[in-house]
């Protein structure tokens, strides 16, 4: 089955999520603070994900706060299929927000029931919804009734009996797929995903189940497929700073890019962030993005980068880095005075 997912002939792998025809079964998940349009658009330089998911956005903000050119709502012209992920606790407000997003062109909507952040849980949203399953089901029913486009729900694990009962209850609401992150809300990333628990959920329902968590390259994808038997797979953190990830996963011989190309992608990412928000925000986010695009940089190089405070200074730094590229077999390495170190 993995060889099918890894096929380069994506058109031969039809998959329907509701009425949405998707070319393959790998999805770019939501990432708070990252998965806005500048990140998502870069995937389209290569084989893109089947669809991408926006940053989580509150239903209240969709209705009362955000409009126009906003990082949570903006969609780049070259983005294809896009899912907006909603959070909230009020079914009527969630339904109204979902309908607005559908009117704005959302290809599908996802309801977040997995965010572990304290500020979200205090509002009764995110993973807190799992603790009130009857209320959650009523919310999903209202959102489902408001939409024509496909609807998914993203949950986390609790315990086996609760997981199976909730999955079956959500299936009855008419959702088009269930996305399962293989950790509890209390778990940090050092806790391995429980793929066997996801398999039990997959076997308990007839709708598509999408596995999420601990998938970052071909081997972990193959392992997740074998362990869960899921219909599709959502990848989140591994997509940050790696716009070519899906081409790499779907190509039989893999795929990679040279450091020079990574520099160009990084600068493009920052330019689009600056356009969408402002230069200050772009420079601020660059401090996080640098470690994803250039994982080989050591502490000295990172500290130098962290001192930069404008896009021109960042471009100058990257130009100097590019000039010190030296060929090494089929790839590139940094010049000795920029020797890579551990992150």
Protein backbone atom coordinates (compact mmCIF):
# COMPACT_ATOMS: atom_id res chain seq x y z
CA UNK A 1 0.00 0.00 0.00
CA UNK A 2 2.88 2.41 0.71
CA UNK A 3 4.15 1.93 -2.84
CA UNK A 4 0.76 3.19 -4.02
CA UNK A 5 0.98 6.29 -1.83
CA UNK A 6 4.56 6.87 -2.99
CA UNK A 7 3.62 6.64 -6.66
CA UNK A 8 4.62 9.58 -8.85
CA UNK A 9 1.37 9.15 -10.82
CA UNK A 10 -0.86 10.99 -8.37
CA UNK A 11 -3.71 11.08 -10.88
CA UNK A 12 -3.90 7.30 -10.60
CA UNK A 13 -4.66 7.61 -6.90
CA UNK A 14 -8.15 9.14 -6.85
CA UNK A 15 -9.47 9.79 -3.38
CA UNK A 16 -12.72 11.53 -2.61
CA UNK A 17 -13.23 13.39 0.63
CA UNK A 18 -16.92 14.04 0.36
CA UNK A 19 -17.24 15.46 -3.15
CA UNK A 20 -13.66 16.76 -3.10
CA UNK A 21 -11.39 14.92 -5.54
CA UNK A 22 -7.87 14.72 -4.11
CA UNK A 23 -4.75 13.64 -6.06
CA UNK A 24 -3.09 11.70 -3.24
CA UNK A 25 -3.40 10.98 0.48
CA UNK A 26 -0.85 13.22 2.16
CA UNK A 27 -2.18 16.37 3.84
CA UNK A 28 -0.36 19.36 5.30
CA UNK A 29 -1.81 19.93 8.75
CA UNK A 30 -2.31 23.13 10.74
CA UNK A 31 0.59 24.76 12.58
CA UNK A 32 -0.09 27.65 14.94
CA UNK A 33 2.13 30.57 14.02
CA UNK A 34 3.34 29.01 10.77
CA UNK A 35 0.75 27.63 8.33
CA UNK A 36 -0.46 30.91 6.86
CA UNK A 37 -0.47 31.54 3.11
CA UNK A 38 3.28 32.37 2.71
CA UNK A 39 4.17 28.89 3.98
CA UNK A 40 1.38 27.07 2.17
CA UNK A 41 2.00 28.73 -1.21
CA UNK A 42 5.61 27.50 -1.33
CA UNK A 43 4.42 23.89 -1.49
CA UNK A 44 3.11 24.62 -4.99
CA UNK A 45 6.62 25.02 -6.35
CA UNK A 46 6.84 21.25 -6.03
CA UNK A 47 4.33 18.44 -5.73
CA UNK A 48 1.94 19.96 -3.18
CA UNK A 49 -0.03 18.22 -0.43
CA UNK A 50 -3.49 16.93 -1.31
CA UNK A 51 -4.72 19.94 0.62
CA UNK A 52 -3.36 22.27 3.29
CA UNK A 53 -4.92 23.40 6.55
CA UNK A 54 -4.82 26.97 7.82
CA UNK A 55 -3.69 28.03 11.24
CA UNK A 56 -6.40 27.41 13.82
CA UNK A 57 -8.77 30.38 13.91
CA UNK A 58 -11.51 31.09 16.43
CA UNK A 59 -15.08 31.23 15.20
CA UNK A 60 -15.56 34.47 17.15
CA UNK A 61 -12.67 36.13 15.30
CA UNK A 62 -13.97 34.98 11.91
CA UNK A 63 -17.28 36.72 12.58
CA UNK A 64 -16.25 39.77 14.59
CA UNK A 65 -12.56 40.48 14.00
CA UNK A 66 -10.81 39.20 10.89
CA UNK A 67 -11.44 40.33 7.34
CA UNK A 68 -9.58 41.08 4.14
CA UNK A 69 -5.79 40.87 4.18
CA UNK A 70 -5.30 38.86 7.36
CA UNK A 71 -2.81 36.08 8.05
CA UNK A 72 -5.55 33.74 9.28
CA UNK A 73 -7.87 34.18 6.31
CA UNK A 74 -5.68 35.22 3.37
CA UNK A 75 -5.34 32.71 0.57
CA UNK A 76 -2.57 33.11 -2.00
CA UNK A 77 -3.68 33.07 -5.67
CA UNK A 78 -1.68 29.92 -6.45
CA UNK A 79 -3.05 27.90 -3.54
CA UNK A 80 -5.29 25.08 -4.68
CA UNK A 81 -7.32 23.17 -2.09
CA UNK A 82 -7.47 24.83 1.32
CA UNK A 83 -9.10 23.80 4.58
CA UNK A 84 -9.82 26.35 7.29
CA UNK A 85 -9.59 25.00 10.84
CA UNK A 86 -12.09 26.46 13.31
CA UNK A 87 -12.03 26.47 17.10
CA UNK A 88 -14.80 27.42 19.48
CA UNK A 89 -17.40 26.22 21.95
CA UNK A 90 -20.61 27.79 20.66
CA UNK A 91 -22.34 25.69 18.03
CA UNK A 92 -24.34 28.53 16.50
CA UNK A 93 -21.28 30.76 16.22
CA UNK A 94 -19.20 27.90 14.80
CA UNK A 95 -21.85 27.22 12.17
CA UNK A 96 -22.03 30.90 11.22
CA UNK A 97 -18.23 31.16 10.95
CA UNK A 98 -18.00 27.97 8.91
CA UNK A 99 -20.64 29.26 6.51
CA UNK A 100 -18.73 32.53 6.10
CA UNK A 101 -15.50 30.67 5.33
CA UNK A 102 -17.29 28.48 2.80
CA UNK A 103 -18.65 31.62 1.13
CA UNK A 104 -15.08 32.97 1.02
CA UNK A 105 -13.99 29.88 -0.91
CA UNK A 106 -12.99 27.27 1.66
CA UNK A 107 -12.74 23.85 0.02
CA UNK A 108 -13.40 22.17 3.35
CA UNK A 109 -13.72 23.00 7.05
CA UNK A 110 -12.09 21.27 10.02
CA UNK A 111 -13.21 21.55 13.65
CA UNK A 112 -10.32 21.58 16.12
CA UNK A 113 -10.89 19.29 19.09
CA UNK A 114 -7.24 18.67 19.86
CA UNK A 115 -5.44 21.90 20.78
CA UNK A 116 -3.80 21.36 24.20
CA UNK A 117 -2.99 25.02 24.92
CA UNK A 118 -4.29 26.24 28.28
CA UNK A 119 -5.77 29.47 26.90
CA UNK A 120 -7.83 27.48 24.38
CA UNK A 121 -8.94 24.84 26.88
CA UNK A 122 -10.05 27.53 29.35
CA UNK A 123 -12.58 28.67 26.76
CA UNK A 124 -13.96 25.14 26.51
CA UNK A 125 -12.51 24.80 23.01
CA UNK A 126 -9.80 22.63 21.46
CA UNK A 127 -9.12 19.42 23.37
CA UNK A 128 -11.50 20.51 26.17
CA UNK A 129 -14.37 19.61 23.83
CA UNK A 130 -13.38 15.95 24.14
CA UNK A 131 -14.43 16.10 27.80
CA UNK A 132 -18.00 17.11 26.85
CA UNK A 133 -18.74 14.69 24.00
CA UNK A 134 -22.48 15.33 23.85
CA UNK A 135 -21.88 19.07 23.51
CA UNK A 136 -19.21 18.43 20.88
CA UNK A 137 -21.58 16.29 18.84
CA UNK A 138 -24.22 19.04 18.94
CA UNK A 139 -21.65 21.57 17.71
CA UNK A 140 -20.63 19.31 14.84
CA UNK A 141 -24.26 18.71 13.89
CA UNK A 142 -24.88 22.46 13.63
CA UNK A 143 -21.77 23.03 11.54
CA UNK A 144 -22.60 20.09 9.30
CA UNK A 145 -26.10 21.43 8.69
CA UNK A 146 -24.68 24.84 7.72
CA UNK A 147 -22.23 23.57 5.09
CA UNK A 148 -22.23 22.15 1.59
CA UNK A 149 -18.46 21.57 1.51
CA UNK A 150 -16.74 18.62 3.22
CA UNK A 151 -16.36 18.74 7.01
CA UNK A 152 -13.71 17.01 9.11
CA UNK A 153 -13.11 16.86 12.86
CA UNK A 154 -9.63 16.60 14.38
CA UNK A 155 -9.41 14.87 17.75
CA UNK A 156 -6.80 13.48 20.12
CA UNK A 157 -6.76 10.20 21.97
CA UNK A 158 -8.31 9.83 25.43
CA UNK A 159 -8.83 6.20 26.31
CA UNK A 160 -9.98 3.36 24.13
CA UNK A 161 -13.65 3.21 25.16
CA UNK A 162 -14.11 6.99 24.98
CA UNK A 163 -12.28 7.19 21.66
CA UNK A 164 -14.41 4.56 19.97
CA UNK A 165 -17.69 5.92 21.32
CA UNK A 166 -16.84 9.46 20.25
CA UNK A 167 -15.68 8.38 16.79
CA UNK A 168 -18.93 6.52 16.20
CA UNK A 169 -21.00 9.45 17.48
CA UNK A 170 -19.15 11.88 15.22
CA UNK A 171 -19.62 9.55 12.26
CA UNK A 172 -23.39 9.79 12.77
CA UNK A 173 -23.27 13.59 12.42
CA UNK A 174 -22.36 13.20 8.75
CA UNK A 175 -18.75 14.38 8.83
CA UNK A 176 -16.70 13.36 5.81
CA UNK A 177 -13.58 12.21 7.66
CA UNK A 178 -12.13 11.96 11.15
CA UNK A 179 -8.56 13.12 11.81
CA UNK A 180 -6.87 11.49 14.81
CA UNK A 181 -3.70 12.76 16.45
CA UNK A 182 -2.05 9.84 18.21
CA UNK A 183 -1.36 11.54 21.55
CA UNK A 184 -3.44 12.70 24.51
CA UNK A 185 -3.71 16.42 25.09
CA UNK A 186 -1.46 16.08 28.16
CA UNK A 187 1.37 14.47 26.16
CA UNK A 188 4.45 16.32 24.97
CA UNK A 189 6.15 15.49 21.69
CA UNK A 190 8.60 13.18 23.47
CA UNK A 191 5.69 10.76 23.90
CA UNK A 192 5.41 8.52 20.84
CA UNK A 193 2.15 8.46 18.92
CA UNK A 194 -0.10 5.52 19.72
CA UNK A 195 -0.75 4.26 16.22
CA UNK A 196 -2.45 1.09 17.47
CA UNK A 197 -5.10 3.23 19.17
CA UNK A 198 -5.67 5.02 15.86
CA UNK A 199 -6.10 1.63 14.17
CA UNK A 200 -8.87 0.72 16.64
CA UNK A 201 -10.71 3.92 15.74
CA UNK A 202 -10.22 3.21 12.05
CA UNK A 203 -11.75 -0.24 12.49
CA UNK A 204 -14.71 1.15 14.47
CA UNK A 205 -16.06 3.51 11.78
CA UNK A 206 -16.82 3.44 8.07
CA UNK A 207 -15.85 7.02 7.21
CA UNK A 208 -12.25 7.80 6.21
CA UNK A 209 -9.82 8.16 9.10
CA UNK A 210 -6.72 10.34 8.72
CA UNK A 211 -3.74 9.60 10.98
CA UNK A 212 -1.65 12.45 12.37
CA UNK A 213 1.56 12.56 14.39
CA UNK A 214 5.20 11.42 14.16
CA UNK A 215 5.22 11.29 10.34
CA UNK A 216 8.21 13.15 8.96
CA UNK A 217 9.83 11.08 6.19
CA UNK A 218 9.32 7.95 4.07
CA UNK A 219 10.12 5.41 6.77
CA UNK A 220 7.80 6.90 9.36
CA UNK A 221 5.06 7.22 6.73
CA UNK A 222 5.41 3.55 5.85
CA UNK A 223 5.34 2.62 9.53
CA UNK A 224 2.22 4.72 10.17
CA UNK A 225 0.48 3.17 7.19
CA UNK A 226 1.29 -0.37 8.33
CA UNK A 227 0.33 0.31 11.94
CA UNK A 228 -2.90 2.26 11.43
CA UNK A 229 -4.33 1.13 8.09
CA UNK A 230 -5.68 4.67 7.72
CA UNK A 231 -7.09 6.17 4.56
CA UNK A 232 -4.80 9.21 4.55
CA UNK A 233 -2.07 10.88 6.58
CA UNK A 234 -1.69 14.39 7.93
CA UNK A 235 1.82 15.77 8.35
CA UNK A 236 2.31 18.94 10.34
CA UNK A 237 5.67 19.94 11.85
CA UNK A 238 7.76 18.17 9.18
CA UNK A 239 6.39 20.51 6.52
CA UNK A 240 7.86 23.61 8.17
CA UNK A 241 10.82 24.91 6.20
CA UNK A 242 10.51 22.04 3.74
CA UNK A 243 8.22 23.02 0.84
CA UNK A 244 9.49 20.07 -1.21
CA UNK A 245 8.42 17.51 1.44
CA UNK A 246 5.49 16.06 -0.51
CA UNK A 247 7.48 15.67 -3.70
CA UNK A 248 10.13 13.91 -1.61
CA UNK A 249 7.55 11.54 -0.10
CA UNK A 250 5.66 10.84 -3.31
CA UNK A 251 8.62 10.34 -5.65
CA UNK A 252 9.89 6.73 -5.87
CA UNK A 253 13.50 7.92 -5.75
CA UNK A 254 12.97 10.68 -3.22
CA UNK A 255 13.76 14.33 -3.82
CA UNK A 256 15.92 17.00 -2.22
CA UNK A 257 17.06 20.56 -2.84
CA UNK A 258 20.46 22.20 -2.52
CA UNK A 259 21.27 24.79 0.10
CA UNK A 260 21.18 27.56 -2.51
CA UNK A 261 17.56 26.74 -3.30
CA UNK A 262 16.67 26.61 0.38
CA UNK A 263 18.05 30.13 0.78
CA UNK A 264 15.85 31.36 -2.07
CA UNK A 265 12.78 29.67 -0.54
CA UNK A 266 13.52 31.10 2.90
CA UNK A 267 13.84 34.65 1.59
CA UNK A 268 10.66 34.29 -0.46
CA UNK A 269 8.84 33.08 2.66
CA UNK A 270 9.96 36.17 4.58
CA UNK A 271 9.08 38.54 1.74
CA UNK A 272 5.54 37.18 1.62
CA UNK A 273 5.21 37.42 5.40
CA UNK A 274 6.33 41.05 5.21
CA UNK A 275 3.71 41.74 2.54
CA UNK A 276 0.97 39.98 4.49
CA UNK A 277 1.77 41.60 7.83
CA UNK A 278 4.84 43.84 8.05
CA UNK A 279 8.63 43.66 8.09
CA UNK A 280 8.83 43.52 11.87
CA UNK A 281 6.62 40.42 12.03
CA UNK A 282 8.54 38.78 9.17
CA UNK A 283 11.87 39.34 10.92
CA UNK A 284 10.40 38.09 14.19
CA UNK A 285 9.16 34.87 12.58
CA UNK A 286 12.47 34.39 10.78
CA UNK A 287 14.03 33.61 14.17
CA UNK A 288 11.89 30.47 14.34
CA UNK A 289 11.94 29.59 10.65
CA UNK A 290 15.74 29.64 10.35
CA UNK A 291 16.08 26.42 12.34
CA UNK A 292 13.63 24.61 10.07
CA UNK A 293 15.11 25.70 6.75
CA UNK A 294 18.74 25.28 7.85
CA UNK A 295 18.91 22.51 10.42
CA UNK A 296 22.66 22.18 9.93
CA UNK A 297 23.46 25.60 11.38
CA UNK A 298 25.29 25.61 14.69
CA UNK A 299 24.89 27.86 17.71
CA UNK A 300 27.41 30.47 16.51
CA UNK A 301 25.69 30.90 13.14
CA UNK A 302 22.26 30.99 14.79
CA UNK A 303 23.31 33.63 17.31
CA UNK A 304 24.64 35.78 14.47
CA UNK A 305 21.36 35.41 12.64
CA UNK A 306 19.29 36.19 15.75
CA UNK A 307 21.02 39.59 15.96
CA UNK A 308 19.69 40.66 12.55
CA UNK A 309 16.81 43.12 12.68
CA UNK A 310 15.76 43.84 9.08
CA UNK A 311 15.04 41.98 5.87
CA UNK A 312 17.98 43.64 4.05
CA UNK A 313 20.38 42.43 6.76
CA UNK A 314 18.92 38.93 6.52
CA UNK A 315 19.34 38.94 2.73
CA UNK A 316 22.94 40.09 3.10
CA UNK A 317 23.64 37.29 5.59
CA UNK A 318 22.11 34.72 3.23
CA UNK A 319 24.12 36.08 0.30
CA UNK A 320 27.34 35.61 2.27
CA UNK A 321 26.25 32.10 3.20
CA UNK A 322 25.52 31.31 -0.44
CA UNK A 323 28.94 32.56 -1.58
CA UNK A 324 30.64 30.12 0.77
CA UNK A 325 28.91 27.07 -0.69
CA UNK A 326 31.35 24.41 -1.84
CA UNK A 327 30.37 21.35 -3.90
CA UNK A 328 30.47 18.02 -2.11
CA UNK A 329 29.34 14.95 -4.08
CA UNK A 330 25.77 15.57 -5.23
CA UNK A 331 24.94 18.19 -2.63
CA UNK A 332 26.49 21.21 -0.96
CA UNK A 333 28.10 21.82 2.40
CA UNK A 334 28.99 25.00 4.19
CA UNK A 335 32.47 26.45 4.02
CA UNK A 336 34.58 25.46 7.08
CA UNK A 337 34.25 28.87 8.72
CA UNK A 338 30.47 28.27 8.75
CA UNK A 339 30.85 24.69 9.91
CA UNK A 340 27.50 23.07 10.78
CA UNK A 341 26.90 22.26 14.42
CA UNK A 342 24.20 20.50 16.43
CA UNK A 343 20.81 22.13 16.91
